[in-house]
Amino acid sequence: MSTQAVETKIFSGKVESVVLADAAKGTKSEITVVDETGKKLTFSVKSTAMILDANKNSISLDKIQKDGKIKIKYTTKDGAEEAVSIRVI
């Protein structure tokens, strides 16, 4: 069993899309972000993720606007990126 610590990384960029969880469709919440170099990452967003607006007030994922700039703290587990926190910048 691995005892390797989970590394938290930061990715900043512009929101390309936001998908809200829908149990009926079997979808999970996720956000796709593109940085200034054109690198695109999609992050899963669990209900435990902290989401803040530019004034550091707690908001819900549906308040994140397409083309808005955000900073995401995330971990990578089993090859997938998972958001720990999202902040509008």
N, C-alpha and C. Protein backbone atom coordinates (compact mmCIF):
# COMPACT_ATOMS: atom_id res chain seq x y z
N MET A 1 0.85 -1.19 0.00
CA MET A 1 0.00 0.00 0.00
C MET A 1 0.88 1.24 0.00
N SER A 2 0.55 2.21 -0.83
CA SER A 2 1.35 3.42 -0.95
C SER A 2 1.07 4.38 0.20
N THR A 3 2.15 4.96 0.70
CA THR A 3 2.01 5.97 1.76
C THR A 3 2.39 7.34 1.24
N GLN A 4 2.42 7.47 -0.07
CA GLN A 4 2.80 8.73 -0.70
C GLN A 4 1.76 9.81 -0.39
N ALA A 5 2.25 10.99 0.00
CA ALA A 5 1.36 12.10 0.30
C ALA A 5 0.73 12.61 -0.99
N VAL A 6 -0.51 13.07 -0.88
CA VAL A 6 -1.20 13.62 -2.04
C VAL A 6 -0.73 15.06 -2.22
N GLU A 7 -0.23 15.36 -3.41
CA GLU A 7 0.29 16.69 -3.70
C GLU A 7 -0.84 17.58 -4.21
N THR A 8 -0.94 18.77 -3.62
CA THR A 8 -1.92 19.75 -4.09
C THR A 8 -1.23 20.69 -5.07
N LYS A 9 -1.84 20.85 -6.23
CA LYS A 9 -1.29 21.72 -7.27
C LYS A 9 -2.27 22.86 -7.52
N ILE A 10 -1.80 23.88 -8.25
CA ILE A 10 -2.65 25.03 -8.58
C ILE A 10 -2.69 25.20 -10.09
N PHE A 11 -3.89 25.47 -10.62
CA PHE A 11 -4.07 25.73 -12.06
C PHE A 11 -4.97 26.94 -12.19
N SER A 12 -4.52 27.93 -12.95
CA SER A 12 -5.32 29.14 -13.16
C SER A 12 -5.64 29.28 -14.63
N GLY A 13 -6.82 29.81 -14.91
CA GLY A 13 -7.19 30.02 -16.30
C GLY A 13 -8.61 30.50 -16.45
N LYS A 14 -9.11 30.36 -17.68
CA LYS A 14 -10.43 30.82 -18.05
C LYS A 14 -11.37 29.62 -18.12
N VAL A 15 -12.57 29.79 -17.59
CA VAL A 15 -13.55 28.71 -17.58
C VAL A 15 -14.06 28.45 -19.00
N GLU A 16 -13.95 27.21 -19.44
CA GLU A 16 -14.49 26.83 -20.75
C GLU A 16 -15.90 26.27 -20.59
N SER A 17 -16.10 25.46 -19.54
CA SER A 17 -17.42 24.88 -19.32
C SER A 17 -17.58 24.43 -17.88
N VAL A 18 -18.85 24.39 -17.44
CA VAL A 18 -19.20 23.89 -16.12
C VAL A 18 -20.34 22.89 -16.32
N VAL A 19 -20.19 21.71 -15.75
CA VAL A 19 -21.23 20.68 -15.79
C VAL A 19 -21.67 20.43 -14.36
N LEU A 20 -22.97 20.58 -14.12
CA LEU A 20 -23.51 20.33 -12.79
C LEU A 20 -23.97 18.88 -12.69
N ALA A 21 -23.80 18.30 -11.52
CA ALA A 21 -24.21 16.91 -11.30
C ALA A 21 -25.69 16.74 -11.57
N ASP A 22 -26.03 15.63 -12.20
CA ASP A 22 -27.42 15.29 -12.47
C ASP A 22 -27.54 13.78 -12.34
N ALA A 23 -28.08 13.34 -11.21
CA ALA A 23 -28.18 11.90 -10.93
C ALA A 23 -29.01 11.18 -12.00
N ALA A 24 -30.04 11.84 -12.52
CA ALA A 24 -30.89 11.22 -13.54
C ALA A 24 -30.11 10.92 -14.82
N LYS A 25 -29.16 11.78 -15.14
CA LYS A 25 -28.34 11.60 -16.35
C LYS A 25 -27.05 10.85 -16.04
N GLY A 26 -26.77 10.68 -14.75
CA GLY A 26 -25.54 10.00 -14.36
C GLY A 26 -24.31 10.86 -14.51
N THR A 27 -24.46 12.19 -14.54
CA THR A 27 -23.31 13.07 -14.67
C THR A 27 -22.85 13.55 -13.30
N LYS A 28 -21.55 13.85 -13.23
CA LYS A 28 -20.95 14.39 -12.01
C LYS A 28 -20.53 15.82 -12.29
N SER A 29 -20.44 16.61 -11.23
CA SER A 29 -20.01 18.00 -11.39
C SER A 29 -18.56 18.05 -11.85
N GLU A 30 -18.31 18.91 -12.86
CA GLU A 30 -16.95 19.11 -13.32
C GLU A 30 -16.82 20.48 -13.97
N ILE A 31 -15.58 20.94 -14.03
CA ILE A 31 -15.29 22.24 -14.63
C ILE A 31 -14.07 22.08 -15.53
N THR A 32 -14.14 22.68 -16.72
CA THR A 32 -13.03 22.64 -17.66
C THR A 32 -12.44 24.04 -17.76
N VAL A 33 -11.12 24.12 -17.61
CA VAL A 33 -10.41 25.40 -17.57
C VAL A 33 -9.26 25.36 -18.57
N VAL A 34 -9.02 26.51 -19.25
CA VAL A 34 -7.92 26.64 -20.20
C VAL A 34 -6.99 27.74 -19.69
N ASP A 35 -5.68 27.43 -19.59
CA ASP A 35 -4.75 28.47 -19.12
C ASP A 35 -4.25 29.32 -20.29
N GLU A 36 -3.38 30.28 -19.98
CA GLU A 36 -2.93 31.24 -21.01
C GLU A 36 -2.09 30.59 -22.09
N THR A 37 -1.57 29.38 -21.85
CA THR A 37 -0.78 28.69 -22.88
C THR A 37 -1.64 27.77 -23.74
N GLY A 38 -2.94 27.69 -23.42
CA GLY A 38 -3.84 26.84 -24.18
C GLY A 38 -4.02 25.45 -23.58
N LYS A 39 -3.34 25.18 -22.46
CA LYS A 39 -3.49 23.88 -21.79
C LYS A 39 -4.89 23.79 -21.18
N LYS A 40 -5.57 22.69 -21.47
CA LYS A 40 -6.93 22.51 -20.98
C LYS A 40 -6.98 21.33 -20.01
N LEU A 41 -7.58 21.56 -18.83
CA LEU A 41 -7.77 20.49 -17.86
C LEU A 41 -9.22 20.47 -17.41
N THR A 42 -9.73 19.28 -17.16
CA THR A 42 -11.08 19.12 -16.63
C THR A 42 -10.96 18.55 -15.23
N PHE A 43 -11.63 19.19 -14.29
CA PHE A 43 -11.56 18.82 -12.88
C PHE A 43 -12.91 18.31 -12.41
N SER A 44 -12.91 17.21 -11.67
CA SER A 44 -14.15 16.79 -11.01
C SER A 44 -14.32 17.69 -9.79
N VAL A 45 -15.58 18.01 -9.48
CA VAL A 45 -15.87 18.90 -8.36
C VAL A 45 -16.84 18.18 -7.42
N LYS A 46 -16.32 17.74 -6.28
CA LYS A 46 -17.17 17.07 -5.30
C LYS A 46 -17.85 18.10 -4.41
N SER A 47 -18.85 17.68 -3.70
CA SER A 47 -19.60 18.60 -2.83
C SER A 47 -18.73 19.15 -1.71
N THR A 48 -17.60 18.52 -1.43
CA THR A 48 -16.70 18.99 -0.37
C THR A 48 -15.76 20.11 -0.83
N ALA A 49 -15.72 20.38 -2.14
CA ALA A 49 -14.83 21.42 -2.66
C ALA A 49 -15.29 22.79 -2.19
N MET A 50 -14.34 23.63 -1.77
CA MET A 50 -14.65 24.99 -1.35
C MET A 50 -14.65 25.87 -2.60
N ILE A 51 -15.73 26.62 -2.81
CA ILE A 51 -15.85 27.50 -3.99
C ILE A 51 -16.09 28.92 -3.49
N LEU A 52 -15.19 29.84 -3.90
CA LEU A 52 -15.26 31.23 -3.42
C LEU A 52 -15.31 32.20 -4.58
N ASP A 53 -16.03 33.32 -4.37
CA ASP A 53 -16.04 34.38 -5.38
C ASP A 53 -14.82 35.27 -5.17
N ALA A 54 -14.72 36.35 -5.94
CA ALA A 54 -13.56 37.23 -5.87
C ALA A 54 -13.43 37.91 -4.51
N ASN A 55 -14.53 38.02 -3.77
CA ASN A 55 -14.51 38.63 -2.43
C ASN A 55 -14.35 37.59 -1.33
N LYS A 56 -14.04 36.37 -1.73
CA LYS A 56 -13.83 35.23 -0.81
C LYS A 56 -15.10 34.82 -0.07
N ASN A 57 -16.26 35.07 -0.70
CA ASN A 57 -17.53 34.59 -0.16
C ASN A 57 -17.84 33.23 -0.78
N SER A 58 -18.40 32.33 0.01
CA SER A 58 -18.74 31.01 -0.48
C SER A 58 -19.87 31.09 -1.51
N ILE A 59 -19.68 30.40 -2.64
CA ILE A 59 -20.70 30.36 -3.69
C ILE A 59 -20.85 28.91 -4.16
N SER A 60 -21.86 28.66 -4.96
CA SER A 60 -22.06 27.33 -5.51
C SER A 60 -21.48 27.26 -6.93
N LEU A 61 -21.24 26.06 -7.40
CA LEU A 61 -20.61 25.85 -8.70
C LEU A 61 -21.41 26.51 -9.83
N ASP A 62 -22.73 26.56 -9.71
CA ASP A 62 -23.54 27.15 -10.79
C ASP A 62 -23.35 28.65 -10.93
N LYS A 63 -22.66 29.29 -9.97
CA LYS A 63 -22.38 30.73 -10.04
C LYS A 63 -21.10 31.02 -10.81
N ILE A 64 -20.34 29.99 -11.15
CA ILE A 64 -19.11 30.18 -11.92
C ILE A 64 -19.50 30.43 -13.39
N GLN A 65 -19.01 31.53 -13.93
CA GLN A 65 -19.40 31.94 -15.29
C GLN A 65 -18.39 31.48 -16.33
N LYS A 66 -18.90 31.07 -17.50
CA LYS A 66 -18.04 30.73 -18.64
C LYS A 66 -17.20 31.95 -18.98
N ASP A 67 -15.95 31.73 -19.31
CA ASP A 67 -14.96 32.77 -19.64
C ASP A 67 -14.48 33.55 -18.42
N GLY A 68 -14.99 33.22 -17.22
CA GLY A 68 -14.48 33.86 -16.00
C GLY A 68 -13.11 33.29 -15.66
N LYS A 69 -12.30 34.08 -14.96
CA LYS A 69 -10.98 33.62 -14.56
C LYS A 69 -11.06 33.04 -13.17
N ILE A 70 -10.44 31.86 -13.02
CA ILE A 70 -10.46 31.19 -11.73
C ILE A 70 -9.10 30.58 -11.42
N LYS A 71 -8.91 30.28 -10.14
CA LYS A 71 -7.73 29.56 -9.67
C LYS A 71 -8.24 28.32 -8.96
N ILE A 72 -7.71 27.18 -9.34
CA ILE A 72 -8.14 25.90 -8.76
C ILE A 72 -6.97 25.25 -8.04
N LYS A 73 -7.21 24.86 -6.80
CA LYS A 73 -6.27 23.99 -6.09
C LYS A 73 -6.82 22.59 -6.30
N TYR A 74 -5.94 21.65 -6.70
CA TYR A 74 -6.44 20.32 -7.03
C TYR A 74 -5.42 19.24 -6.69
N THR A 75 -5.92 18.03 -6.65
CA THR A 75 -5.08 16.85 -6.49
C THR A 75 -5.33 15.94 -7.69
N THR A 76 -4.39 15.06 -7.94
CA THR A 76 -4.56 14.08 -9.01
C THR A 76 -4.61 12.71 -8.37
N LYS A 77 -5.69 11.99 -8.65
CA LYS A 77 -5.86 10.65 -8.08
C LYS A 77 -6.29 9.72 -9.21
N ASP A 78 -5.56 8.64 -9.37
CA ASP A 78 -5.83 7.65 -10.43
C ASP A 78 -5.93 8.31 -11.80
N GLY A 79 -5.06 9.30 -12.06
CA GLY A 79 -5.00 9.95 -13.36
C GLY A 79 -6.05 11.00 -13.62
N ALA A 80 -6.88 11.30 -12.60
CA ALA A 80 -7.94 12.30 -12.77
C ALA A 80 -7.72 13.46 -11.80
N GLU A 81 -7.99 14.67 -12.29
CA GLU A 81 -7.85 15.86 -11.46
C GLU A 81 -9.13 16.11 -10.67
N GLU A 82 -8.97 16.36 -9.37
CA GLU A 82 -10.12 16.64 -8.51
C GLU A 82 -9.90 17.97 -7.81
N ALA A 83 -10.86 18.90 -7.98
CA ALA A 83 -10.75 20.22 -7.37
C ALA A 83 -10.91 20.12 -5.85
N VAL A 84 -9.99 20.76 -5.14
CA VAL A 84 -10.10 20.88 -3.68
C VAL A 84 -10.76 22.21 -3.36
N SER A 85 -10.35 23.26 -4.11
CA SER A 85 -10.98 24.57 -3.95
C SER A 85 -10.93 25.32 -5.28
N ILE A 86 -11.92 26.17 -5.47
CA ILE A 86 -12.04 27.00 -6.69
C ILE A 86 -12.25 28.43 -6.22
N ARG A 87 -11.48 29.38 -6.80
CA ARG A 87 -11.67 30.78 -6.43
C ARG A 87 -11.71 31.63 -7.68
N VAL A 88 -12.74 32.47 -7.76
CA VAL A 88 -12.86 33.43 -8.86
C VAL A 88 -11.79 34.51 -8.63
N ILE A 89 -11.06 34.86 -9.69
CA ILE A 89 -10.02 35.89 -9.56
C ILE A 89 -10.27 37.03 -10.52
